[in-house]
C-alpha cells in the first residue's frame, strides 16, 4: 500500500515488461508500485556507490585509451 506521502506518477511500460511486472506482483503478493519503487531505490543506491567509487579514485592517474591498449599488448593480454 502506498505511503501517505507517496506521489503519483504516470509511467509507460513496454507491454512485455508490464505483463512481467503484473505477474511478479501477483506471484509475490506485492503491488506493481512496490516492485517499481524497490527497483528504483536499488538503481539509485548503485548510482550512489558508483559516485563514491569515482570519488575514491579521483586522485588516480589517468591514461588514454591508446596507452591502455599499448600496456595490455606489452603485457601479453591482447
PDB file of N, CA and C in Angstrom:
ATOM      1  N   UNK A   1       0.843  -1.190   0.000  1.00  0.00           N
ATOM      2  CA  UNK A   1       0.000   0.000   0.000  1.00  0.00           C
ATOM      3  C   UNK A   1       0.881   1.244   0.000  1.00  0.00           C
ATOM      4  N   UNK A   2       0.451   2.252  -0.691  1.00  0.00           N
ATOM      5  CA  UNK A   2       1.240   3.476  -0.814  1.00  0.00           C
ATOM      6  C   UNK A   2       1.308   4.206   0.529  1.00  0.00           C
ATOM      7  N   UNK A   3       2.453   4.818   0.752  1.00  0.00           N
ATOM      8  CA  UNK A   3       2.618   5.630   1.952  1.00  0.00           C
ATOM      9  C   UNK A   3       1.762   6.885   1.823  1.00  0.00           C
ATOM     10  N   UNK A   4       1.352   7.491   2.956  1.00  0.00           N
ATOM     11  CA  UNK A   4       0.511   8.693   2.885  1.00  0.00           C
ATOM     12  C   UNK A   4       1.169   9.842   2.118  1.00  0.00           C
ATOM     13  N   UNK A   5       2.485   9.909   2.127  1.00  0.00           N
ATOM     14  CA  UNK A   5       3.176  10.996   1.431  1.00  0.00           C
ATOM     15  C   UNK A   5       3.618  10.599   0.024  1.00  0.00           C
ATOM     16  N   UNK A   6       3.213   9.414  -0.419  1.00  0.00           N
ATOM     17  CA  UNK A   6       3.611   8.932  -1.740  1.00  0.00           C
ATOM     18  C   UNK A   6       3.078   9.872  -2.821  1.00  0.00           C
ATOM     19  N   UNK A   7       3.850  10.033  -3.882  1.00  0.00           N
ATOM     20  CA  UNK A   7       3.462  10.872  -5.013  1.00  0.00           C
ATOM     21  C   UNK A   7       3.055   9.977  -6.171  1.00  0.00           C
ATOM     22  N   UNK A   8       2.104  10.417  -6.905  1.00  0.00           N
ATOM     23  CA  UNK A   8       1.600   9.665  -8.044  1.00  0.00           C
ATOM     24  C   UNK A   8       2.320  10.116  -9.308  1.00  0.00           C
ATOM     25  N   UNK A   9       2.617   9.149 -10.180  1.00  0.00           N
ATOM     26  CA  UNK A   9       3.272   9.460 -11.444  1.00  0.00           C
ATOM     27  C   UNK A   9       2.768   8.499 -12.511  1.00  0.00           C
ATOM     28  N   UNK A  10       2.736   8.952 -13.726  1.00  0.00           N
ATOM     29  CA  UNK A  10       2.353   8.092 -14.840  1.00  0.00           C
ATOM     30  C   UNK A  10       3.615   7.587 -15.518  1.00  0.00           C
ATOM     31  N   UNK A  11       3.712   6.274 -15.636  1.00  0.00           N
ATOM     32  CA  UNK A  11       4.861   5.645 -16.274  1.00  0.00           C
ATOM     33  C   UNK A  11       4.343   4.747 -17.386  1.00  0.00           C
ATOM     34  N   UNK A  12       4.963   4.813 -18.538  1.00  0.00           N
ATOM     35  CA  UNK A  12       4.575   3.968 -19.660  1.00  0.00           C
ATOM     36  C   UNK A  12       5.584   2.841 -19.796  1.00  0.00           C
ATOM     37  N   UNK A  13       5.109   1.605 -19.662  1.00  0.00           N
ATOM     38  CA  UNK A  13       5.956   0.417 -19.768  1.00  0.00           C
ATOM     39  C   UNK A  13       5.765  -0.243 -21.124  1.00  0.00           C
ATOM     40  N   UNK A  14       6.806  -0.899 -21.592  1.00  0.00           N
ATOM     41  CA  UNK A  14       6.649  -1.782 -22.741  1.00  0.00           C
ATOM     42  C   UNK A  14       5.645  -2.861 -22.337  1.00  0.00           C
ATOM     43  N   UNK A  15       4.801  -3.295 -23.249  1.00  0.00           N
ATOM     44  CA  UNK A  15       3.780  -4.276 -22.887  1.00  0.00           C
ATOM     45  C   UNK A  15       4.332  -5.544 -22.215  1.00  0.00           C
ATOM     46  N   UNK A  16       5.444  -6.063 -22.728  1.00  0.00           N
ATOM     47  CA  UNK A  16       6.022  -7.278 -22.151  1.00  0.00           C
ATOM     48  C   UNK A  16       6.516  -7.032 -20.730  1.00  0.00           C
ATOM     49  N   UNK A  17       7.105  -5.874 -20.504  1.00  0.00           N
ATOM     50  CA  UNK A  17       7.601  -5.529 -19.173  1.00  0.00           C
ATOM     51  C   UNK A  17       6.434  -5.341 -18.203  1.00  0.00           C
ATOM     52  N   UNK A  18       5.381  -4.708 -18.664  1.00  0.00           N
ATOM     53  CA  UNK A  18       4.200  -4.515 -17.815  1.00  0.00           C
ATOM     54  C   UNK A  18       3.584  -5.860 -17.436  1.00  0.00           C
ATOM     55  N   UNK A  19       3.516  -6.749 -18.385  1.00  0.00           N
ATOM     56  CA  UNK A  19       2.972  -8.092 -18.100  1.00  0.00           C
ATOM     57  C   UNK A  19       3.839  -8.811 -17.081  1.00  0.00           C
ATOM     58  N   UNK A  20       5.156  -8.736 -17.249  1.00  0.00           N
ATOM     59  CA  UNK A  20       6.069  -9.378 -16.302  1.00  0.00           C
ATOM     60  C   UNK A  20       5.918  -8.775 -14.905  1.00  0.00           C
ATOM     61  N   UNK A  21       5.786  -7.468 -14.832  1.00  0.00           N
ATOM     62  CA  UNK A  21       5.587  -6.811 -13.537  1.00  0.00           C
ATOM     63  C   UNK A  21       4.289  -7.268 -12.876  1.00  0.00           C
ATOM     64  N   UNK A  22       3.228  -7.324 -13.653  1.00  0.00           N
ATOM     65  CA  UNK A  22       1.943  -7.758 -13.094  1.00  0.00           C
ATOM     66  C   UNK A  22       2.016  -9.195 -12.608  1.00  0.00           C
ATOM     67  N   UNK A  23       2.675 -10.067 -13.373  1.00  0.00           N
ATOM     68  CA  UNK A  23       2.825 -11.462 -12.958  1.00  0.00           C
ATOM     69  C   UNK A  23       3.664 -11.577 -11.693  1.00  0.00           C
ATOM     70  N   UNK A  24       4.752 -10.810 -11.622  1.00  0.00           N
ATOM     71  CA  UNK A  24       5.592 -10.842 -10.422  1.00  0.00           C
ATOM     72  C   UNK A  24       4.818 -10.321  -9.218  1.00  0.00           C
ATOM     73  N   UNK A  25       4.064  -9.259  -9.417  1.00  0.00           N
ATOM     74  CA  UNK A  25       3.275  -8.696  -8.324  1.00  0.00           C
ATOM     75  C   UNK A  25       2.280  -9.734  -7.807  1.00  0.00           C
ATOM     76  N   UNK A  26       1.610 -10.407  -8.717  1.00  0.00           N
ATOM     77  CA  UNK A  26       0.621 -11.403  -8.312  1.00  0.00           C
ATOM     78  C   UNK A  26       1.276 -12.587  -7.603  1.00  0.00           C
ATOM     79  N   UNK A  27       2.426 -13.014  -8.102  1.00  0.00           N
ATOM     80  CA  UNK A  27       3.063 -14.194  -7.517  1.00  0.00           C
ATOM     81  C   UNK A  27       3.764 -13.898  -6.197  1.00  0.00           C
ATOM     82  N   UNK A  28       4.043 -12.627  -5.908  1.00  0.00           N
ATOM     83  CA  UNK A  28       4.725 -12.269  -4.661  1.00  0.00           C
ATOM     84  C   UNK A  28       3.805 -11.527  -3.690  1.00  0.00           C
ATOM     85  N   UNK A  29       2.533 -11.406  -4.068  1.00  0.00           N
ATOM     86  CA  UNK A  29       1.553 -10.684  -3.237  1.00  0.00           C
ATOM     87  C   UNK A  29       2.016  -9.262  -2.919  1.00  0.00           C
ATOM     88  N   UNK A  30       2.593  -8.611  -3.916  1.00  0.00           N
ATOM     89  CA  UNK A  30       3.024  -7.225  -3.786  1.00  0.00           C
ATOM     90  C   UNK A  30       2.381  -6.425  -4.905  1.00  0.00           C
ATOM     91  N   UNK A  31       2.415  -5.116  -4.758  1.00  0.00           N
ATOM     92  CA  UNK A  31       1.877  -4.266  -5.821  1.00  0.00           C
ATOM     93  C   UNK A  31       2.978  -3.958  -6.842  1.00  0.00           C
ATOM     94  N   UNK A  32       2.536  -3.597  -8.043  1.00  0.00           N
ATOM     95  CA  UNK A  32       3.486  -3.158  -9.069  1.00  0.00           C
ATOM     96  C   UNK A  32       4.256  -1.953  -8.541  1.00  0.00           C
ATOM     97  N   UNK A  33       3.583  -1.052  -7.840  1.00  0.00           N
ATOM     98  CA  UNK A  33       4.250   0.128  -7.287  1.00  0.00           C
ATOM     99  C   UNK A  33       5.371  -0.269  -6.329  1.00  0.00           C
ATOM    100  N   UNK A  34       5.119  -1.243  -5.466  1.00  0.00           N
ATOM    101  CA  UNK A  34       6.160  -1.697  -4.537  1.00  0.00           C
ATOM    102  C   UNK A  34       7.380  -2.226  -5.289  1.00  0.00           C
ATOM    103  N   UNK A  35       7.126  -3.016  -6.312  1.00  0.00           N
ATOM    104  CA  UNK A  35       8.224  -3.598  -7.091  1.00  0.00           C
ATOM    105  C   UNK A  35       9.011  -2.510  -7.812  1.00  0.00           C
ATOM    106  N   UNK A  36       8.308  -1.559  -8.424  1.00  0.00           N
ATOM    107  CA  UNK A  36       8.977  -0.473  -9.149  1.00  0.00           C
ATOM    108  C   UNK A  36       9.755   0.416  -8.174  1.00  0.00           C
ATOM    109  N   UNK A  37       9.156   0.749  -7.030  1.00  0.00           N
ATOM    110  CA  UNK A  37       9.858   1.563  -6.035  1.00  0.00           C
ATOM    111  C   UNK A  37      11.132   0.875  -5.561  1.00  0.00           C
ATOM    112  N   UNK A  38      11.054  -0.423  -5.312  1.00  0.00           N
ATOM    113  CA  UNK A  38      12.245  -1.169  -4.883  1.00  0.00           C
ATOM    114  C   UNK A  38      13.332  -1.136  -5.961  1.00  0.00           C
ATOM    115  N   UNK A  39      12.943  -1.313  -7.208  1.00  0.00           N
ATOM    116  CA  UNK A  39      13.905  -1.304  -8.311  1.00  0.00           C
ATOM    117  C   UNK A  39      14.558   0.065  -8.464  1.00  0.00           C
ATOM    118  N   UNK A  40      13.779   1.117  -8.324  1.00  0.00           N
ATOM    119  CA  UNK A  40      14.324   2.478  -8.434  1.00  0.00           C
ATOM    120  C   UNK A  40      15.271   2.753  -7.273  1.00  0.00           C
ATOM    121  N   UNK A  41      14.879   2.354  -6.059  1.00  0.00           N
ATOM    122  CA  UNK A  41      15.770   2.532  -4.903  1.00  0.00           C
ATOM    123  C   UNK A  41      17.100   1.818  -5.125  1.00  0.00           C
ATOM    124  N   UNK A  42      17.040   0.581  -5.620  1.00  0.00           N
ATOM    125  CA  UNK A  42      18.260  -0.188  -5.870  1.00  0.00           C
ATOM    126  C   UNK A  42      19.130   0.506  -6.917  1.00  0.00           C
ATOM    127  N   UNK A  43      18.515   0.993  -7.967  1.00  0.00           N
ATOM    128  CA  UNK A  43      19.264   1.698  -9.006  1.00  0.00           C
ATOM    129  C   UNK A  43      19.938   2.948  -8.447  1.00  0.00           C
ATOM    130  N   UNK A  44      19.230   3.695  -7.609  1.00  0.00           N
ATOM    131  CA  UNK A  44      19.805   4.906  -7.015  1.00  0.00           C
ATOM    132  C   UNK A  44      20.939   4.558  -6.042  1.00  0.00           C
ATOM    133  N   UNK A  45      20.797   3.450  -5.289  1.00  0.00           N
ATOM    134  CA  UNK A  45      21.885   3.008  -4.401  1.00  0.00           C
ATOM    135  C   UNK A  45      23.130   2.674  -5.216  1.00  0.00           C
ATOM    136  N   UNK A  46      22.918   1.975  -6.346  1.00  0.00           N
ATOM    137  CA  UNK A  46      24.057   1.636  -7.205  1.00  0.00           C
ATOM    138  C   UNK A  46      24.722   2.892  -7.753  1.00  0.00           C
ATOM    139  N   UNK A  47      23.925   3.868  -8.151  1.00  0.00           N
ATOM    140  CA  UNK A  47      24.488   5.138  -8.626  1.00  0.00           C
ATOM    141  C   UNK A  47      25.303   5.804  -7.523  1.00  0.00           C
ATOM    142  N   UNK A  48      24.774   5.786  -6.305  1.00  0.00           N
ATOM    143  CA  UNK A  48      25.477   6.388  -5.174  1.00  0.00           C
ATOM    144  C   UNK A  48      26.799   5.672  -4.913  1.00  0.00           C
ATOM    145  N   UNK A  49      26.793   4.342  -5.000  1.00  0.00           N
ATOM    146  CA  UNK A  49      28.024   3.566  -4.815  1.00  0.00           C
ATOM    147  C   UNK A  49      29.032   3.887  -5.919  1.00  0.00           C
ATOM    148  N   UNK A  50      28.549   4.005  -7.152  1.00  0.00           N
ATOM    149  CA  UNK A  50      29.432   4.346  -8.269  1.00  0.00           C
ATOM    150  C   UNK A  50      30.073   5.712  -8.061  1.00  0.00           C
ATOM    151  N   UNK A  51      29.267   6.686  -7.659  1.00  0.00           N
ATOM    152  CA  UNK A  51      29.800   8.032  -7.434  1.00  0.00           C
ATOM    153  C   UNK A  51      30.827   8.038  -6.306  1.00  0.00           C
ATOM    154  N   UNK A  52      30.577   7.252  -5.264  1.00  0.00           N
ATOM    155  CA  UNK A  52      31.539   7.155  -4.163  1.00  0.00           C
ATOM    156  C   UNK A  52      32.840   6.531  -4.658  1.00  0.00           C
ATOM    157  N   UNK A  53      32.733   5.508  -5.498  1.00  0.00           N
ATOM    158  CA  UNK A  53      33.937   4.866  -6.046  1.00  0.00           C
ATOM    159  C   UNK A  53      34.715   5.845  -6.921  1.00  0.00           C
ATOM    160  N   UNK A  54      34.004   6.624  -7.718  1.00  0.00           N
ATOM    161  CA  UNK A  54      34.680   7.634  -8.537  1.00  0.00           C
ATOM    162  C   UNK A  54      35.409   8.631  -7.643  1.00  0.00           C
ATOM    163  N   UNK A  55      34.740   9.035  -6.565  1.00  0.00           N
ATOM    164  CA  UNK A  55      35.358   9.973  -5.631  1.00  0.00           C
ATOM    165  C   UNK A  55      36.599   9.401  -4.983  1.00  0.00           C
ATOM    166  N   UNK A  56      36.557   8.115  -4.647  1.00  0.00           N
ATOM    167  CA  UNK A  56      37.718   7.458  -4.045  1.00  0.00           C
ATOM    168  C   UNK A  56      38.894   7.370  -5.012  1.00  0.00           C
ATOM    169  N   UNK A  57      38.596   7.344  -6.305  1.00  0.00           N
ATOM    170  CA  UNK A  57      39.648   7.145  -7.302  1.00  0.00           C
ATOM    171  C   UNK A  57      40.050   8.426  -8.025  1.00  0.00           C
ATOM    172  N   UNK A  58      39.548   9.562  -7.569  1.00  0.00           N
ATOM    173  CA  UNK A  58      39.771  10.819  -8.281  1.00  0.00           C
ATOM    174  C   UNK A  58      41.256  11.164  -8.384  1.00  0.00           C
ATOM    175  N   UNK A  59      42.075  10.742  -7.427  1.00  0.00           N
ATOM    176  CA  UNK A  59      43.491  11.081  -7.437  1.00  0.00           C
ATOM    177  C   UNK A  59      44.331  10.106  -8.270  1.00  0.00           C
ATOM    178  N   UNK A  60      43.717   9.041  -8.767  1.00  0.00           N
ATOM    179  CA  UNK A  60      44.475   8.084  -9.575  1.00  0.00           C
ATOM    180  C   UNK A  60      44.867   8.709 -10.907  1.00  0.00           C
ATOM    181  N   UNK A  61      46.034   8.317 -11.398  1.00  0.00           N
ATOM    182  CA  UNK A  61      46.440   8.855 -12.707  1.00  0.00           C
ATOM    183  C   UNK A  61      45.539   8.297 -13.811  1.00  0.00           C
ATOM    184  N   UNK A  62      45.371   9.073 -14.848  1.00  0.00           N
ATOM    185  CA  UNK A  62      44.576   8.623 -15.979  1.00  0.00           C
ATOM    186  C   UNK A  62      45.495   8.364 -17.163  1.00  0.00           C
ATOM    187  N   UNK A  63      45.041   7.453 -18.030  1.00  0.00           N
ATOM    188  CA  UNK A  63      45.786   7.186 -19.256  1.00  0.00           C
ATOM    189  C   UNK A  63      44.795   7.207 -20.404  1.00  0.00           C
ATOM    190  N   UNK A  64      45.321   7.420 -21.587  1.00  0.00           N
ATOM    191  CA  UNK A  64      44.454   7.442 -22.763  1.00  0.00           C
ATOM    192  C   UNK A  64      44.111   6.005 -23.144  1.00  0.00           C
ATOM    193  N   UNK A  65      43.121   5.876 -23.970  1.00  0.00           N
ATOM    194  CA  UNK A  65      42.722   4.566 -24.470  1.00  0.00           C
ATOM    195  C   UNK A  65      43.874   3.899 -25.225  1.00  0.00           C
ATOM    196  N   UNK A  66      44.577   4.699 -25.998  1.00  0.00           N
ATOM    197  CA  UNK A  66      45.710   4.170 -26.757  1.00  0.00           C
ATOM    198  C   UNK A  66      46.799   3.652 -25.813  1.00  0.00           C
ATOM    199  N   UNK A  67      47.058   4.404 -24.735  1.00  0.00           N
ATOM    200  CA  UNK A  67      48.057   3.965 -23.751  1.00  0.00           C
ATOM    201  C   UNK A  67      47.614   2.669 -23.072  1.00  0.00           C
ATOM    202  N   UNK A  68      46.342   2.548 -22.804  1.00  0.00           N
ATOM    203  CA  UNK A  68      45.820   1.325 -22.199  1.00  0.00           C
ATOM    204  C   UNK A  68      46.035   0.139 -23.133  1.00  0.00           C
ATOM    205  N   UNK A  69      45.700   0.316 -24.410  1.00  0.00           N
ATOM    206  CA  UNK A  69      45.905  -0.762 -25.373  1.00  0.00           C
ATOM    207  C   UNK A  69      47.379  -1.128 -25.493  1.00  0.00           C
ATOM    208  N   UNK A  70      48.250  -0.133 -25.524  1.00  0.00           N
ATOM    209  CA  UNK A  70      49.688  -0.397 -25.588  1.00  0.00           C
ATOM    210  C   UNK A  70      50.144  -1.192 -24.382  1.00  0.00           C
ATOM    211  N   UNK A  71      49.656  -0.829 -23.188  1.00  0.00           N
ATOM    212  CA  UNK A  71      50.045  -1.519 -21.967  1.00  0.00           C
ATOM    213  C   UNK A  71      49.540  -2.963 -21.961  1.00  0.00           C
ATOM    214  N   UNK A  72      48.316  -3.160 -22.395  1.00  0.00           N
ATOM    215  CA  UNK A  72      47.765  -4.515 -22.466  1.00  0.00           C
ATOM    216  C   UNK A  72      48.567  -5.378 -23.433  1.00  0.00           C
ATOM    217  N   UNK A  73      48.925  -4.797 -24.577  1.00  0.00           N
ATOM    218  CA  UNK A  73      49.716  -5.529 -25.569  1.00  0.00           C
ATOM    219  C   UNK A  73      51.095  -5.843 -25.019  1.00  0.00           C
ATOM    220  N   UNK A  74      51.717  -4.871 -24.364  1.00  0.00           N
ATOM    221  CA  UNK A  74      53.048  -5.026 -23.791  1.00  0.00           C
ATOM    222  C   UNK A  74      53.103  -6.185 -22.781  1.00  0.00           C
ATOM    223  N   UNK A  75      52.004  -6.360 -22.035  1.00  0.00           N
ATOM    224  CA  UNK A  75      51.951  -7.408 -21.016  1.00  0.00           C
ATOM    225  C   UNK A  75      51.277  -8.684 -21.509  1.00  0.00           C
ATOM    226  N   UNK A  76      51.089  -8.793 -22.834  1.00  0.00           N
ATOM    227  CA  UNK A  76      50.560 -10.015 -23.426  1.00  0.00           C
ATOM    228  C   UNK A  76      49.104 -10.310 -23.126  1.00  0.00           C
ATOM    229  N   UNK A  77      48.331  -9.306 -22.821  1.00  0.00           N
ATOM    230  CA  UNK A  77      46.915  -9.532 -22.508  1.00  0.00           C
ATOM    231  C   UNK A  77      46.019  -9.399 -23.715  1.00  0.00           C
ATOM    232  N   UNK A  78      46.543  -8.802 -24.776  1.00  0.00           N
ATOM    233  CA  UNK A  78      45.808  -8.758 -26.050  1.00  0.00           C
ATOM    234  C   UNK A  78      46.775  -9.041 -27.174  1.00  0.00           C
TER     235      UNK A  78
END
